[in-house]
C-alpha atoms as a PDB file:
ATOM      1  CA  MET A   1       0.030   0.017  -0.056  1.00  0.00           C
ATOM      2  CA  TRP A   2       1.301   3.654  -0.864  1.00  0.00           C
ATOM      3  CA  SER A   3       2.084   5.840   2.307  1.00  0.00           C
ATOM      4  CA  SER A   4       2.895   9.510   1.734  1.00  0.00           C
ATOM      5  CA  PRO A   5       6.454  10.513   2.391  1.00  0.00           C
ATOM      6  CA  ILE A   6       5.584  13.260   4.527  1.00  0.00           C
ATOM      7  CA  ARG A   7       4.988  12.782   8.429  1.00  0.00           C
ATOM      8  CA  TYR A   8       2.454  15.377   9.620  1.00  0.00           C
ATOM      9  CA  GLU A   9       1.547  16.560  13.006  1.00  0.00           C
ATOM     10  CA  GLU A  10      -1.630  17.191  13.237  1.00  0.00           C
ATOM     11  CA  PRO A  11      -3.867  19.162  13.076  1.00  0.00           C
ATOM     12  CA  VAL A  12      -2.207  21.027   9.827  1.00  0.00           C
ATOM     13  CA  PHE A  13      -3.532  24.344   8.497  1.00  0.00           C
ATOM     14  CA  ARG A  14      -2.976  26.464   5.756  1.00  0.00           C
ATOM     15  CA  PRO A  15      -4.381  29.181   3.597  1.00  0.00           C
ATOM     16  CA  PRO A  16      -7.652  29.046   1.440  1.00  0.00           C
ATOM     17  CA  SER A  17      -5.485  29.986  -1.198  1.00  0.00           C
ATOM     18  CA  GLU A  18      -3.371  27.217  -1.132  1.00  0.00           C
ATOM     19  CA  ALA A  19      -6.347  24.532  -1.597  1.00  0.00           C
ATOM     20  CA  HIS A  20      -3.869  22.500  -3.748  1.00  0.00           C
ATOM     21  CA  SER A  21      -0.532  22.958  -2.673  1.00  0.00           C
ATOM     22  CA  LEU A  22       1.935  20.234  -1.631  1.00  0.00           C
ATOM     23  CA  ILE A  23       1.982  21.231   2.333  1.00  0.00           C
ATOM     24  CA  LEU A  24       5.491  20.577   4.055  1.00  0.00           C
ATOM     25  CA  GLN A  25       5.815  20.700   7.431  1.00  0.00           C
ATOM     26  CA  LEU A  26       8.881  23.242   8.236  1.00  0.00           C
ATOM     27  CA  THR A  27       7.809  24.087  12.010  1.00  0.00           C
ATOM     28  CA  VAL A  28       5.695  22.417  14.249  1.00  0.00           C
ATOM     29  CA  GLY A  29       3.101  24.693  15.974  1.00  0.00           C
ATOM     30  CA  CYS A  30       2.874  28.409  16.179  1.00  0.00           C
ATOM     31  CA  SER A  31       5.963  30.276  18.114  1.00  0.00           C
ATOM     32  CA  TRP A  32       3.753  33.059  19.598  1.00  0.00           C
ATOM     33  CA  ASN A  33       0.553  30.463  20.629  1.00  0.00           C
ATOM     34  CA  ARG A  34      -0.714  32.876  23.068  1.00  0.00           C
ATOM     35  CA  CYS A  35      -3.809  34.568  21.348  1.00  0.00           C
ATOM     36  CA  THR A  36      -6.963  34.848  23.277  1.00  0.00           C
ATOM     37  CA  TYR A  37      -9.043  33.579  20.574  1.00  0.00           C
ATOM     38  CA  CYS A  38      -7.037  30.923  18.305  1.00  0.00           C
ATOM     39  CA  GLY A  39      -7.149  27.156  18.995  1.00  0.00           C
ATOM     40  CA  MET A  40      -5.464  26.014  15.978  1.00  0.00           C
ATOM     41  CA  TYR A  41      -2.361  25.297  17.534  1.00  0.00           C
ATOM     42  CA  ARG A  42      -3.166  24.721  21.483  1.00  0.00           C
ATOM     43  CA  ASN A  43      -2.258  21.124  21.474  1.00  0.00           C
ATOM     44  CA  LYS A  44       0.996  21.774  20.062  1.00  0.00           C
ATOM     45  CA  GLU A  45       4.989  22.736  21.723  1.00  0.00           C
ATOM     46  CA  PHE A  46       6.511  25.191  18.833  1.00  0.00           C
ATOM     47  CA  ARG A  47       9.672  23.573  17.126  1.00  0.00           C
ATOM     48  CA  VAL A  48      11.690  23.717  14.364  1.00  0.00           C
ATOM     49  CA  ARG A  49      11.806  20.336  12.386  1.00  0.00           C
ATOM     50  CA  SER A  50      15.210  19.090  11.432  1.00  0.00           C
ATOM     51  CA  THR A  51      16.372  20.121   7.977  1.00  0.00           C
ATOM     52  CA  SER A  52      17.393  16.605   7.434  1.00  0.00           C
ATOM     53  CA  GLU A  53      13.913  15.492   7.686  1.00  0.00           C
ATOM     54  CA  VAL A  54      12.422  17.995   5.957  1.00  0.00           C
ATOM     55  CA  LEU A  55      14.909  17.813   3.234  1.00  0.00           C
ATOM     56  CA  SER A  56      14.626  13.666   3.018  1.00  0.00           C
ATOM     57  CA  GLU A  57      10.802  14.822   2.874  1.00  0.00           C
ATOM     58  CA  ILE A  58      11.131  16.805  -0.027  1.00  0.00           C
ATOM     59  CA  GLU A  59      13.599  14.550  -2.088  1.00  0.00           C
ATOM     60  CA  ALA A  60      10.803  11.718  -1.694  1.00  0.00           C
ATOM     61  CA  CYS A  61       8.273  13.797  -2.962  1.00  0.00           C
ATOM     62  CA  SER A  62       9.815  13.976  -6.229  1.00  0.00           C
ATOM     63  CA  GLU A  63       8.641  10.235  -7.409  1.00  0.00           C
ATOM     64  CA  PHE A  64       5.192  11.412  -7.194  1.00  0.00           C
ATOM     65  CA  ALA A  65       5.025  15.418  -7.195  1.00  0.00           C
ATOM     66  CA  GLY A  66       7.470  16.316  -9.670  1.00  0.00           C
ATOM     67  CA  ASP A  67       4.753  18.756 -11.626  1.00  0.00           C
ATOM     68  CA  VAL A  68       3.521  20.251  -8.877  1.00  0.00           C
ATOM     69  CA  ARG A  69       3.464  24.111  -8.952  1.00  0.00           C
ATOM     70  CA  ARG A  70       2.803  25.711  -5.593  1.00  0.00           C
ATOM     71  CA  VAL A  71       4.489  24.680  -1.961  1.00  0.00           C
ATOM     72  CA  PHE A  72       3.079  25.643   1.333  1.00  0.00           C
ATOM     73  CA  LEU A  73       5.445  25.518   4.429  1.00  0.00           C
ATOM     74  CA  ALA A  74       3.311  24.980   7.322  1.00  0.00           C
ATOM     75  CA  ASP A  75       3.186  25.163  10.572  1.00  0.00           C
ATOM     76  CA  GLY A  76       1.368  28.319  12.295  1.00  0.00           C
ATOM     77  CA  ASP A  77       4.653  30.583  11.729  1.00  0.00           C
ATOM     78  CA  ALA A  78       7.166  28.856   9.705  1.00  0.00           C
ATOM     79  CA  LEU A  79       8.897  32.225   9.239  1.00  0.00           C
ATOM     80  CA  ALA A  80      10.151  31.763  12.155  1.00  0.00           C
ATOM     81  CA  ALA A  81      12.500  29.394  11.588  1.00  0.00           C
ATOM     82  CA  PRO A  82      16.648  30.268  11.486  1.00  0.00           C
ATOM     83  CA  LEU A  83      17.041  31.951   8.092  1.00  0.00           C
ATOM     84  CA  GLN A  84      19.450  29.344   7.081  1.00  0.00           C
ATOM     85  CA  VAL A  85      16.959  26.632   7.735  1.00  0.00           C
ATOM     86  CA  LEU A  86      15.032  28.517   5.626  1.00  0.00           C
ATOM     87  CA  LYS A  87      17.237  28.779   2.695  1.00  0.00           C
ATOM     88  CA  GLU A  88      18.264  24.874   2.706  1.00  0.00           C
ATOM     89  CA  THR A  89      14.394  24.484   2.812  1.00  0.00           C
ATOM     90  CA  LEU A  90      13.698  26.669  -0.211  1.00  0.00           C
ATOM     91  CA  SER A  91      17.091  24.905  -2.303  1.00  0.00           C
ATOM     92  CA  GLY A  92      15.992  21.960  -1.557  1.00  0.00           C
ATOM     93  CA  ILE A  93      12.791  22.283  -3.316  1.00  0.00           C
ATOM     94  CA  ARG A  94      14.331  23.539  -6.054  1.00  0.00           C
ATOM     95  CA  ARG A  95      16.573  20.911  -6.304  1.00  0.00           C
ATOM     96  CA  TYR A  96      13.969  18.325  -6.242  1.00  0.00           C
ATOM     97  CA  LEU A  97      10.839  19.924  -7.411  1.00  0.00           C
ATOM     98  CA  PRO A  98      11.949  22.104 -10.110  1.00  0.00           C
ATOM     99  CA  SER A  99       8.481  22.600 -11.488  1.00  0.00           C
ATOM    100  CA  VAL A 100       7.620  24.819  -8.509  1.00  0.00           C
ATOM    101  CA  GLN A 101       6.739  28.579  -9.727  1.00  0.00           C
ATOM    102  CA  ARG A 102       5.723  29.858  -5.752  1.00  0.00           C
ATOM    103  CA  VAL A 103       6.124  29.062  -2.124  1.00  0.00           C
ATOM    104  CA  GLY A 104       4.083  30.309   0.369  1.00  0.00           C
ATOM    105  CA  LEU A 105       4.310  30.114   4.606  1.00  0.00           C
ATOM    106  CA  TYR A 106       2.905  32.568   7.266  1.00  0.00           C
ATOM    107  CA  GLY A 107       4.749  34.905   8.956  1.00  0.00           C
ATOM    108  CA  ASP A 108       3.841  37.052  12.155  1.00  0.00           C
ATOM    109  CA  SER A 109       5.535  40.534  12.854  1.00  0.00           C
ATOM    110  CA  ARG A 110       8.394  39.124  15.010  1.00  0.00           C
ATOM    111  CA  SER A 111      10.063  37.120  12.573  1.00  0.00           C
ATOM    112  CA  ILE A 112       9.538  38.918   9.675  1.00  0.00           C
ATOM    113  CA  LEU A 113      11.087  41.847  11.370  1.00  0.00           C
ATOM    114  CA  ARG A 114      13.451  39.608  12.508  1.00  0.00           C
ATOM    115  CA  HIS A 115      14.895  38.523   9.046  1.00  0.00           C
ATOM    116  CA  GLY A 116      14.422  42.038   8.159  1.00  0.00           C
ATOM    117  CA  VAL A 117      14.262  43.349   4.336  1.00  0.00           C
ATOM    118  CA  ASP A 118      17.928  41.686   3.248  1.00  0.00           C
ATOM    119  CA  GLY A 119      17.044  38.215   5.194  1.00  0.00           C
ATOM    120  CA  LEU A 120      13.314  38.188   3.448  1.00  0.00           C
ATOM    121  CA  SER A 121      14.992  39.520  -0.080  1.00  0.00           C
ATOM    122  CA  ALA A 122      17.674  36.123   0.241  1.00  0.00           C
ATOM    123  CA  LEU A 123      14.861  34.139   0.829  1.00  0.00           C
ATOM    124  CA  LYS A 124      12.674  35.619  -2.002  1.00  0.00           C
ATOM    125  CA  ALA A 125      15.956  34.619  -4.306  1.00  0.00           C
ATOM    126  CA  ARG A 126      15.415  31.577  -3.095  1.00  0.00           C
ATOM    127  CA  GLY A 127      11.800  30.748  -4.249  1.00  0.00           C
ATOM    128  CA  LEU A 128      10.005  32.133  -1.536  1.00  0.00           C
ATOM    129  CA  GLY A 129       6.968  34.248  -3.187  1.00  0.00           C
ATOM    130  CA  ILE A 130       4.260  35.242  -0.537  1.00  0.00           C
ATOM    131  CA  VAL A 131       3.634  35.702   2.938  1.00  0.00           C
ATOM    132  CA  TYR A 132       0.390  35.100   4.850  1.00  0.00           C
ATOM    133  CA  PHE A 133       0.474  37.393   8.003  1.00  0.00           C
ATOM    134  CA  GLY A 134      -2.656  37.759  10.423  1.00  0.00           C
ATOM    135  CA  PRO A 135      -2.344  41.032  12.189  1.00  0.00           C
ATOM    136  CA  GLU A 136      -6.215  40.617  12.792  1.00  0.00           C
ATOM    137  CA  SER A 137      -7.098  44.254  13.646  1.00  0.00           C
ATOM    138  CA  GLY A 138      -5.402  47.647  13.254  1.00  0.00           C
ATOM    139  CA  ASP A 139      -6.153  49.202  16.679  1.00  0.00           C
ATOM    140  CA  PRO A 140      -4.068  48.887  19.964  1.00  0.00           C
ATOM    141  CA  GLU A 141      -6.636  48.418  22.177  1.00  0.00           C
ATOM    142  CA  THR A 142      -8.236  45.317  20.765  1.00  0.00           C
ATOM    143  CA  LEU A 143      -4.425  44.038  19.885  1.00  0.00           C
ATOM    144  CA  ARG A 144      -3.926  44.391  23.661  1.00  0.00           C
ATOM    145  CA  SER A 145      -6.998  42.794  24.873  1.00  0.00           C
ATOM    146  CA  VAL A 146      -6.359  39.313  22.421  1.00  0.00           C
ATOM    147  CA  ARG A 147      -2.803  39.245  23.561  1.00  0.00           C
ATOM    148  CA  LYS A 148      -1.569  39.533  20.116  1.00  0.00           C
ATOM    149  CA  GLY A 149       1.823  40.387  21.172  1.00  0.00           C
ATOM    150  CA  ALA A 150       2.715  42.682  18.946  1.00  0.00           C
ATOM    151  CA  THR A 151       1.600  46.753  18.481  1.00  0.00           C
ATOM    152  CA  VAL A 152      -0.158  48.190  15.116  1.00  0.00           C
ATOM    153  CA  GLU A 153       2.994  50.038  14.572  1.00  0.00           C
ATOM    154  CA  ARG A 154       5.476  47.211  14.695  1.00  0.00           C
ATOM    155  CA  GLN A 155       3.121  45.135  12.292  1.00  0.00           C
ATOM    156  CA  LEU A 156       2.850  48.140   9.852  1.00  0.00           C
ATOM    157  CA  GLU A 157       6.612  48.152   9.907  1.00  0.00           C
ATOM    158  CA  ALA A 158       6.663  44.128   9.498  1.00  0.00           C
ATOM    159  CA  SER A 159       4.247  44.596   6.471  1.00  0.00           C
ATOM    160  CA  LYS A 160       6.001  47.271   4.460  1.00  0.00           C
ATOM    161  CA  GLN A 161       9.536  44.651   5.384  1.00  0.00           C
ATOM    162  CA  VAL A 162       7.959  42.452   3.246  1.00  0.00           C
ATOM    163  CA  THR A 163       6.489  44.697   0.749  1.00  0.00           C
ATOM    164  CA  ALA A 164      10.308  46.032   0.428  1.00  0.00           C
ATOM    165  CA  SER A 165      11.718  42.514   0.121  1.00  0.00           C
ATOM    166  CA  GLY A 166       9.865  42.322  -3.323  1.00  0.00           C
ATOM    167  CA  LEU A 167       7.978  39.318  -1.729  1.00  0.00           C
ATOM    168  CA  LYS A 168       3.848  39.236  -1.742  1.00  0.00           C
ATOM    169  CA  LEU A 169       1.730  39.948   1.351  1.00  0.00           C
ATOM    170  CA  SER A 170      -1.479  38.333   1.874  1.00  0.00           C
ATOM    171  CA  MET A 171      -2.818  40.080   5.120  1.00  0.00           C
ATOM    172  CA  MET A 172      -5.899  38.768   7.164  1.00  0.00           C
ATOM    173  CA  VAL A 173      -8.165  40.367   9.397  1.00  0.00           C
ATOM    174  CA  LEU A 174     -10.963  39.233  11.979  1.00  0.00           C
ATOM    175  CA  LEU A 175     -14.462  40.937  12.428  1.00  0.00           C
ATOM    176  CA  GLY A 176     -16.181  40.491  15.780  1.00  0.00           C
ATOM    177  CA  LEU A 177     -12.415  40.484  17.725  1.00  0.00           C
ATOM    178  CA  ALA A 178     -13.143  43.428  19.795  1.00  0.00           C
ATOM    179  CA  GLY A 179     -17.014  42.230  20.514  1.00  0.00           C
ATOM    180  CA  THR A 180     -19.653  44.780  20.298  1.00  0.00           C
ATOM    181  CA  ASP A 181     -18.210  47.536  22.348  1.00  0.00           C
ATOM    182  CA  GLY A 182     -15.035  48.047  20.638  1.00  0.00           C
ATOM    183  CA  SER A 183     -16.704  47.180  17.206  1.00  0.00           C
ATOM    184  CA  GLU A 184     -16.715  49.960  15.259  1.00  0.00           C
ATOM    185  CA  ARG A 185     -13.120  51.476  16.845  1.00  0.00           C
ATOM    186  CA  HIS A 186     -11.723  48.249  15.912  1.00  0.00           C
ATOM    187  CA  ALA A 187     -13.246  47.838  12.439  1.00  0.00           C
ATOM    188  CA  ARG A 188     -12.349  51.417  11.418  1.00  0.00           C
ATOM    189  CA  ALA A 189      -8.896  51.036  12.925  1.00  0.00           C
ATOM    190  CA  THR A 190      -8.364  48.135  10.905  1.00  0.00           C
ATOM    191  CA  GLY A 191      -9.375  49.172   7.364  1.00  0.00           C
ATOM    192  CA  ARG A 192      -7.358  52.356   7.670  1.00  0.00           C
ATOM    193  CA  PHE A 193      -4.189  49.730   8.840  1.00  0.00           C
ATOM    194  CA  LEU A 194      -4.951  47.888   5.328  1.00  0.00           C
ATOM    195  CA  ALA A 195      -5.094  50.776   3.133  1.00  0.00           C
ATOM    196  CA  GLU A 196      -1.567  52.221   4.914  1.00  0.00           C
ATOM    197  CA  SER A 197       0.081  48.792   5.030  1.00  0.00           C
ATOM    198  CA  ALA A 198      -0.993  48.266   1.335  1.00  0.00           C
ATOM    199  CA  PRO A 199      -0.612  44.183   1.254  1.00  0.00           C
ATOM    200  CA  ASN A 200      -0.951  42.678  -2.321  1.00  0.00           C
ATOM    201  CA  TYR A 201      -4.056  40.985  -0.813  1.00  0.00           C
ATOM    202  CA  ALA A 202      -6.732  41.297   2.029  1.00  0.00           C
ATOM    203  CA  ALA A 203      -8.719  39.140   3.588  1.00  0.00           C
ATOM    204  CA  ALA A 204     -11.776  39.898   6.220  1.00  0.00           C
ATOM    205  CA  LEU A 205     -13.086  36.684   8.056  1.00  0.00           C
ATOM    206  CA  MET A 206     -15.474  36.278  10.697  1.00  0.00           C
ATOM    207  CA  LEU A 207     -14.157  35.353  14.641  1.00  0.00           C
ATOM    208  CA  THR A 208     -15.529  32.184  15.759  1.00  0.00           C
ATOM    209  CA  PRO A 209     -15.112  31.946  19.261  1.00  0.00           C
ATOM    210  CA  VAL A 210     -13.820  28.097  19.671  1.00  0.00           C
ATOM    211  CA  SER A 211     -14.013  25.961  22.700  1.00  0.00           C
ATOM    212  CA  GLY A 212     -11.165  26.192  24.774  1.00  0.00           C
ATOM    213  CA  THR A 213      -9.753  29.275  24.115  1.00  0.00           C
ATOM    214  CA  GLU A 214      -9.865  32.539  26.419  1.00  0.00           C
ATOM    215  CA  PHE A 215     -12.142  34.122  24.014  1.00  0.00           C
ATOM    216  CA  HIS A 216     -14.537  31.491  23.559  1.00  0.00           C
ATOM    217  CA  SER A 217     -14.293  31.389  28.021  1.00  0.00           C
ATOM    218  CA  ALA A 218     -15.119  35.071  28.121  1.00  0.00           C
ATOM    219  CA  CYS A 219     -18.319  35.159  25.757  1.00  0.00           C
ATOM    220  CA  ALA A 220     -19.588  32.203  27.390  1.00  0.00           C
ATOM    221  CA  GLN A 221     -19.563  33.547  30.489  1.00  0.00           C
ATOM    222  CA  ASP A 222     -21.114  36.845  29.138  1.00  0.00           C
ATOM    223  CA  ARG A 223     -17.800  39.128  29.796  1.00  0.00           C
ATOM    224  CA  LEU A 224     -17.800  39.571  26.072  1.00  0.00           C
ATOM    225  CA  GLN A 225     -20.408  39.725  23.999  1.00  0.00           C
ATOM    226  CA  MET A 226     -19.843  39.314  19.745  1.00  0.00           C
ATOM    227  CA  PRO A 227     -21.597  41.297  17.345  1.00  0.00           C
ATOM    228  CA  ASP A 228     -24.482  39.231  15.762  1.00  0.00           C
ATOM    229  CA  ARG A 229     -24.535  38.717  11.970  1.00  0.00           C
ATOM    230  CA  TRP A 230     -25.693  42.063  11.286  1.00  0.00           C
ATOM    231  CA  GLY A 231     -23.393  43.273  13.531  1.00  0.00           C
ATOM    232  CA  LEU A 232     -20.368  41.193  11.622  1.00  0.00           C
ATOM    233  CA  LEU A 233     -21.696  42.503   8.281  1.00  0.00           C
ATOM    234  CA  GLN A 234     -21.600  46.531   9.651  1.00  0.00           C
ATOM    235  CA  GLU A 235     -18.109  45.902  10.660  1.00  0.00           C
ATOM    236  CA  LEU A 236     -17.361  45.277   7.271  1.00  0.00           C
ATOM    237  CA  ALA A 237     -18.818  48.149   5.959  1.00  0.00           C
ATOM    238  CA  TRP A 238     -17.430  49.966   8.262  1.00  0.00           C
ATOM    239  CA  MET A 239     -13.506  48.928   7.276  1.00  0.00           C
ATOM    240  CA  LEU A 240     -14.370  49.670   3.624  1.00  0.00           C
ATOM    241  CA  GLU A 241     -15.536  53.077   4.489  1.00  0.00           C
ATOM    242  CA  GLU A 242     -12.212  53.706   6.086  1.00  0.00           C
ATOM    243  CA  MET A 243     -10.406  52.135   2.644  1.00  0.00           C
ATOM    244  CA  SER A 244     -10.693  54.323  -0.191  1.00  0.00           C
ATOM    245  CA  GLU A 245      -7.206  54.399  -0.404  1.00  0.00           C
ATOM    246  CA  PHE A 246      -6.638  51.245  -0.921  1.00  0.00           C
ATOM    247  CA  ARG A 247      -5.670  49.184  -4.241  1.00  0.00           C
ATOM    248  CA  GLY A 248      -6.341  45.282  -5.188  1.00  0.00           C
ATOM    249  CA  PRO A 249      -7.977  42.489  -4.263  1.00  0.00           C
ATOM    250  CA  PHE A 250     -10.192  42.150  -1.062  1.00  0.00           C
ATOM    251  CA  PHE A 251     -11.864  39.200   0.324  1.00  0.00           C
ATOM    252  CA  ALA A 252     -14.613  38.137   2.538  1.00  0.00           C
ATOM    253  CA  ASN A 253     -15.309  34.980   0.950  1.00  0.00           C
ATOM    254  CA  HIS A 254     -13.984  32.939   3.486  1.00  0.00           C
ATOM    255  CA  ALA A 255     -16.099  29.912   4.873  1.00  0.00           C
ATOM    256  CA  SER A 256     -16.754  31.869   8.051  1.00  0.00           C
ATOM    257  CA  ASN A 257     -18.180  34.995   5.808  1.00  0.00           C
ATOM    258  CA  TYR A 258     -22.381  35.015   5.862  1.00  0.00           C
ATOM    259  CA  LEU A 259     -22.164  37.407   2.764  1.00  0.00           C
ATOM    260  CA  PRO A 260     -19.598  36.489   0.536  1.00  0.00           C
ATOM    261  CA  LEU A 261     -17.630  39.273  -0.894  1.00  0.00           C
ATOM    262  CA  LYS A 262     -14.939  39.731  -3.366  1.00  0.00           C
ATOM    263  CA  LEU A 263     -13.816  42.712  -4.870  1.00  0.00           C
ATOM    264  CA  ARG A 264     -10.944  44.819  -6.481  1.00  0.00           C
ATOM    265  CA  LEU A 265     -10.965  47.904  -4.746  1.00  0.00           C
ATOM    266  CA  PRO A 266     -11.380  50.737  -5.059  1.00  0.00           C
ATOM    267  CA  ARG A 267     -13.259  49.739  -8.238  1.00  0.00           C
ATOM    268  CA  ASP A 268     -15.638  47.651  -6.287  1.00  0.00           C
ATOM    269  CA  ARG A 269     -16.143  49.913  -2.955  1.00  0.00           C
ATOM    270  CA  GLU A 270     -18.938  51.874  -3.625  1.00  0.00           C
ATOM    271  CA  LYS A 271     -20.938  48.969  -4.448  1.00  0.00           C
ATOM    272  CA  ALA A 272     -20.312  46.790  -1.743  1.00  0.00           C
ATOM    273  CA  LEU A 273     -20.734  49.548   0.709  1.00  0.00           C
ATOM    274  CA  HIS A 274     -24.406  49.994  -1.071  1.00  0.00           C
ATOM    275  CA  MET A 275     -24.913  46.184  -1.179  1.00  0.00           C
ATOM    276  CA  LEU A 276     -24.079  46.128   2.832  1.00  0.00           C
ATOM    277  CA  GLU A 277     -26.185  48.796   3.014  1.00  0.00           C
ATOM    278  CA  GLU A 278     -29.402  47.561   2.101  1.00  0.00           C
ATOM    279  CA  VAL A 279     -28.437  43.896   3.313  1.00  0.00           C
ATOM    280  CA  ILE A 280     -28.422  45.323   6.866  1.00  0.00           C
ATOM    281  CA  ALA A 281     -31.310  47.589   6.633  1.00  0.00           C
ATOM    282  CA  ARG A 282     -33.605  44.638   5.192  1.00  0.00           C
ATOM    283  CA  ARG A 283     -32.237  42.051   7.522  1.00  0.00           C
ATOM    284  CA  ASP A 284     -34.081  38.984   5.584  1.00  0.00           C
ATOM    285  CA  GLU A 285     -31.937  36.116   6.511  1.00  0.00           C
ATOM    286  CA  LYS A 286     -32.360  34.506   2.826  1.00  0.00           C
ATOM    287  CA  ASP A 287     -29.626  36.910   2.231  1.00  0.00           C
ATOM    288  CA  LEU A 288     -27.103  34.872   3.873  1.00  0.00           C
ATOM    289  CA  THR A 289     -24.999  32.083   3.757  1.00  0.00           C
ATOM    290  CA  PRO A 290     -26.881  29.784   6.172  1.00  0.00           C
ATOM    291  CA  GLU A 291     -24.885  28.741   9.198  1.00  0.00           C
ATOM    292  CA  TRP A 292     -24.868  24.702   7.889  1.00  0.00           C
ATOM    293  CA  ALA A 293     -23.420  25.947   4.710  1.00  0.00           C
ATOM    294  CA  ARG A 294     -20.509  28.075   6.499  1.00  0.00           C
ATOM    295  CA  GLY A 295     -18.393  24.938   6.496  1.00  0.00           C
ATOM    296  CA  LEU A 296     -16.860  25.351  10.463  1.00  0.00           C
END
């Protein structure tokens, strides 16, 4: 019986746009793993896998994935691996999987700033093509409350260093992260942050409280109230109102979103704001993706 040469330590996550990529697990877990809302890597202790083990898997993949076009390096912050490890991994991909056209990974502000523009440029030269970065909010109070571990200023600087290196930057933010009390503050500040940071791609996901996290406990104990579906759509509208200077693709079509939108800004901004205004005013359940279809 055939068995995969890649030994994954579950669970393994990847961005929606990497659905057809070969996933290689360079690191295990998340280098920060303290955010109050995230349960993705709670059962993992962060570590960088052995370079020889990863390179052995890459070489073995050449036997069945010789025509693969994209590779995604997991886990939650593969960019936290030492620069030399990343260089050797990318060189291994280039050697054994020559058909690969782009390599992507998750990175947070700490790992981005640690490598700097020079380090990121060196990784681009070896085949890294895109960094997926989740600042989650552009609001200082919200970042502190969810224990993100980074300031708005550092996240903005990290964003600019990625683009200065020539790498593509895909940015993710979370609707609902500040609860109802901080909803408008969070949404508007995040819209302004996205416009200033100028990523190549941006996406807004709707936060779902995950059992076992501090965020979920706060909601369950009524210490924090999440916006309802219409409130989450209002956050999206507030965010877009602040994004008049944003240029490029903006997605709100993740499985978590109740009203999937795929926009090219600024072209589609006014049309989207008008649609959101109508849907929020109408409050018709038929306008929204039903819970069973959200795939969460």
